[in-house]
Structures are given as structure tokens and as C-alpha cells.
Amino acid sequence: MPLYDYKCTKCGTVREVRHGFNETNTEPCAACGAAMARVFNPAPIVFKGSGFYKTDSRPSEKKSDAPKADAPKADAPKSDAPKPASTGESAA
């Protein structure tokens, strides 16, 4: 049989009661005699292993806004572009 927590609606005393799934507690509070209300506690969940974190399913490399080193730059002239003709004068 499961164990349930009941809290007094008047004084706040908490008591554990063991009864079936379809049963309800009808006993009054032992301290003050007021009605007891059932307390719902969250179930403890522990995530173990891989696959539970957002870093587990992502690729190892990070995307960045900076251009890649091997990508051609927009400001640099292309290598197959014709070079300016030299006039034979030196800039001295």
C-alpha cells in the first residue's frame, strides 16, 4: 500500500497515512481536530546517462560568425584576375 502525506487545514501539522489508491483519509488532525487535506509531492527524477542534455546531441564544432580561414575574402582580388600592366617605372 502506498504512503500519503496529509496536512492539517488549520494548524499545518503533516502526517503520513498508509492506505489504498482508492481510499481517502477521514481521520481528523490529532493535534487540533480539524480536517486533513492530502499533500501532493513531486516525484524525484534523476536523469542519468547520455541524451538528456542539449550538449549531447549537438556537433562538437561550434558555429561562429567569423569567416573561415580557407574561405576567400570579398575584399581580396581573385587569383585568376588579370594583373595590371607594369610601366617599367619604379616608384622611388
C-alpha atoms as a PDB file:
ATOM      1  CA  MET A   1       0.000   0.000   0.000  1.00  0.00           C
ATOM      2  CA  PRO A   2       1.279   3.499  -0.787  1.00  0.00           C
ATOM      3  CA  LEU A   3       2.172   6.092   1.805  1.00  0.00           C
ATOM      4  CA  TYR A   4       0.486   9.533   1.529  1.00  0.00           C
ATOM      5  CA  ASP A   5       1.115  12.856   3.270  1.00  0.00           C
ATOM      6  CA  TYR A   6      -1.823  14.709   4.830  1.00  0.00           C
ATOM      7  CA  LYS A   7      -1.616  18.266   6.157  1.00  0.00           C
ATOM      8  CA  CYS A   8      -3.989  19.836   8.668  1.00  0.00           C
ATOM      9  CA  THR A   9      -6.016  22.696   7.174  1.00  0.00           C
ATOM     10  CA  LYS A  10      -5.953  24.595  10.472  1.00  0.00           C
ATOM     11  CA  CYS A  11      -2.629  24.080  12.278  1.00  0.00           C
ATOM     12  CA  GLY A  12      -0.461  22.773   9.412  1.00  0.00           C
ATOM     13  CA  THR A  13       0.610  19.522  11.061  1.00  0.00           C
ATOM     14  CA  VAL A  14       1.757  16.927   8.483  1.00  0.00           C
ATOM     15  CA  ARG A  15       1.090  13.218   8.958  1.00  0.00           C
ATOM     16  CA  GLU A  16       1.864  10.170   6.825  1.00  0.00           C
ATOM     17  CA  VAL A  17      -1.024   7.769   6.255  1.00  0.00           C
ATOM     18  CA  ARG A  18      -0.832   4.361   4.548  1.00  0.00           C
ATOM     19  CA  HIS A  19      -3.942   3.369   2.604  1.00  0.00           C
ATOM     20  CA  GLY A  20      -5.036   2.039  -0.804  1.00  0.00           C
ATOM     21  CA  PHE A  21      -5.197   4.001  -4.056  1.00  0.00           C
ATOM     22  CA  ASN A  22      -8.979   4.465  -3.991  1.00  0.00           C
ATOM     23  CA  GLU A  23      -9.273   5.173  -0.262  1.00  0.00           C
ATOM     24  CA  THR A  24      -9.279   8.578   1.423  1.00  0.00           C
ATOM     25  CA  ASN A  25      -8.268   9.613   4.929  1.00  0.00           C
ATOM     26  CA  THR A  26     -11.230  10.608   7.071  1.00  0.00           C
ATOM     27  CA  GLU A  27      -9.419  10.877  10.397  1.00  0.00           C
ATOM     28  CA  PRO A  28      -9.185  14.399  11.879  1.00  0.00           C
ATOM     29  CA  CYS A  29      -5.934  16.047  12.937  1.00  0.00           C
ATOM     30  CA  ALA A  30      -4.548  14.542  16.152  1.00  0.00           C
ATOM     31  CA  ALA A  31      -3.326  17.959  17.373  1.00  0.00           C
ATOM     32  CA  CYS A  32      -6.394  20.181  16.868  1.00  0.00           C
ATOM     33  CA  GLY A  33      -9.195  18.004  15.438  1.00  0.00           C
ATOM     34  CA  ALA A  34      -9.522  19.881  12.093  1.00  0.00           C
ATOM     35  CA  ALA A  35      -9.818  18.199   8.691  1.00  0.00           C
ATOM     36  CA  MET A  36      -6.717  16.864   6.926  1.00  0.00           C
ATOM     37  CA  ALA A  37      -6.007  17.574   3.238  1.00  0.00           C
ATOM     38  CA  ARG A  38      -3.810  15.410   1.026  1.00  0.00           C
ATOM     39  CA  VAL A  39      -0.439  16.902   0.019  1.00  0.00           C
ATOM     40  CA  PHE A  40       0.867  16.175  -3.487  1.00  0.00           C
ATOM     41  CA  ASN A  41       4.664  15.947  -3.588  1.00  0.00           C
ATOM     42  CA  PRO A  42       6.668  15.983  -6.838  1.00  0.00           C
ATOM     43  CA  ALA A  43       8.275  12.702  -7.805  1.00  0.00           C
ATOM     44  CA  PRO A  44      12.062  12.709  -7.606  1.00  0.00           C
ATOM     45  CA  ILE A  45      13.537  12.307 -11.099  1.00  0.00           C
ATOM     46  CA  VAL A  46      17.223  11.814 -11.796  1.00  0.00           C
ATOM     47  CA  PHE A  47      18.470  11.910 -15.388  1.00  0.00           C
ATOM     48  CA  LYS A  48      21.463   9.604 -15.796  1.00  0.00           C
ATOM     49  CA  GLY A  49      23.356   8.665 -18.931  1.00  0.00           C
ATOM     50  CA  SER A  50      23.702  10.412 -22.254  1.00  0.00           C
ATOM     51  CA  GLY A  51      20.962  12.012 -24.308  1.00  0.00           C
ATOM     52  CA  PHE A  52      19.387  14.146 -21.601  1.00  0.00           C
ATOM     53  CA  TYR A  53      21.375  17.333 -22.064  1.00  0.00           C
ATOM     54  CA  LYS A  54      21.328  19.635 -25.076  1.00  0.00           C
ATOM     55  CA  THR A  55      25.077  19.290 -25.476  1.00  0.00           C
ATOM     56  CA  ASP A  56      24.774  15.519 -26.014  1.00  0.00           C
ATOM     57  CA  SER A  57      23.052  15.769 -29.395  1.00  0.00           C
ATOM     58  CA  ARG A  58      24.946  18.715 -30.879  1.00  0.00           C
ATOM     59  CA  PRO A  59      28.007  18.506 -33.102  1.00  0.00           C
ATOM     60  CA  SER A  60      31.355  19.029 -31.448  1.00  0.00           C
ATOM     61  CA  GLU A  61      32.278  22.111 -33.515  1.00  0.00           C
ATOM     62  CA  LYS A  62      30.684  25.422 -32.720  1.00  0.00           C
ATOM     63  CA  LYS A  63      29.319  27.733 -35.365  1.00  0.00           C
ATOM     64  CA  SER A  64      30.770  31.224 -35.261  1.00  0.00           C
ATOM     65  CA  ASP A  65      30.057  34.456 -37.066  1.00  0.00           C
ATOM     66  CA  ALA A  66      33.705  34.850 -38.134  1.00  0.00           C
ATOM     67  CA  PRO A  67      34.561  33.697 -41.672  1.00  0.00           C
ATOM     68  CA  LYS A  68      36.554  30.516 -42.079  1.00  0.00           C
ATOM     69  CA  ALA A  69      40.295  30.806 -42.708  1.00  0.00           C
ATOM     70  CA  ASP A  70      40.172  28.880 -46.003  1.00  0.00           C
ATOM     71  CA  ALA A  71      37.205  30.842 -47.399  1.00  0.00           C
ATOM     72  CA  PRO A  72      38.069  33.560 -49.951  1.00  0.00           C
ATOM     73  CA  LYS A  73      37.683  37.089 -48.684  1.00  0.00           C
ATOM     74  CA  ALA A  74      35.418  39.527 -50.503  1.00  0.00           C
ATOM     75  CA  ASP A  75      37.997  42.355 -50.430  1.00  0.00           C
ATOM     76  CA  ALA A  76      40.915  40.287 -51.772  1.00  0.00           C
ATOM     77  CA  PRO A  77      41.399  40.149 -55.556  1.00  0.00           C
ATOM     78  CA  LYS A  78      40.866  36.797 -57.210  1.00  0.00           C
ATOM     79  CA  SER A  79      43.975  34.953 -58.341  1.00  0.00           C
ATOM     80  CA  ASP A  80      42.706  34.438 -61.925  1.00  0.00           C
ATOM     81  CA  ALA A  81      42.057  38.171 -62.409  1.00  0.00           C
ATOM     82  CA  PRO A  82      44.473  39.906 -64.831  1.00  0.00           C
ATOM     83  CA  LYS A  83      47.311  41.780 -63.168  1.00  0.00           C
ATOM     84  CA  PRO A  84      47.823  45.446 -64.027  1.00  0.00           C
ATOM     85  CA  ALA A  85      50.489  46.005 -66.667  1.00  0.00           C
ATOM     86  CA  SER A  86      53.745  47.355 -65.363  1.00  0.00           C
ATOM     87  CA  THR A  87      55.023  50.553 -66.948  1.00  0.00           C
ATOM     88  CA  GLY A  88      58.620  49.763 -66.246  1.00  0.00           C
ATOM     89  CA  GLU A  89      58.940  52.723 -63.918  1.00  0.00           C
ATOM     90  CA  SER A  90      59.902  52.164 -60.370  1.00  0.00           C
ATOM     91  CA  ALA A  91      58.293  54.109 -57.613  1.00  0.00           C
ATOM     92  CA  ALA A  92      61.282  55.573 -55.873  1.00  0.00           C
END
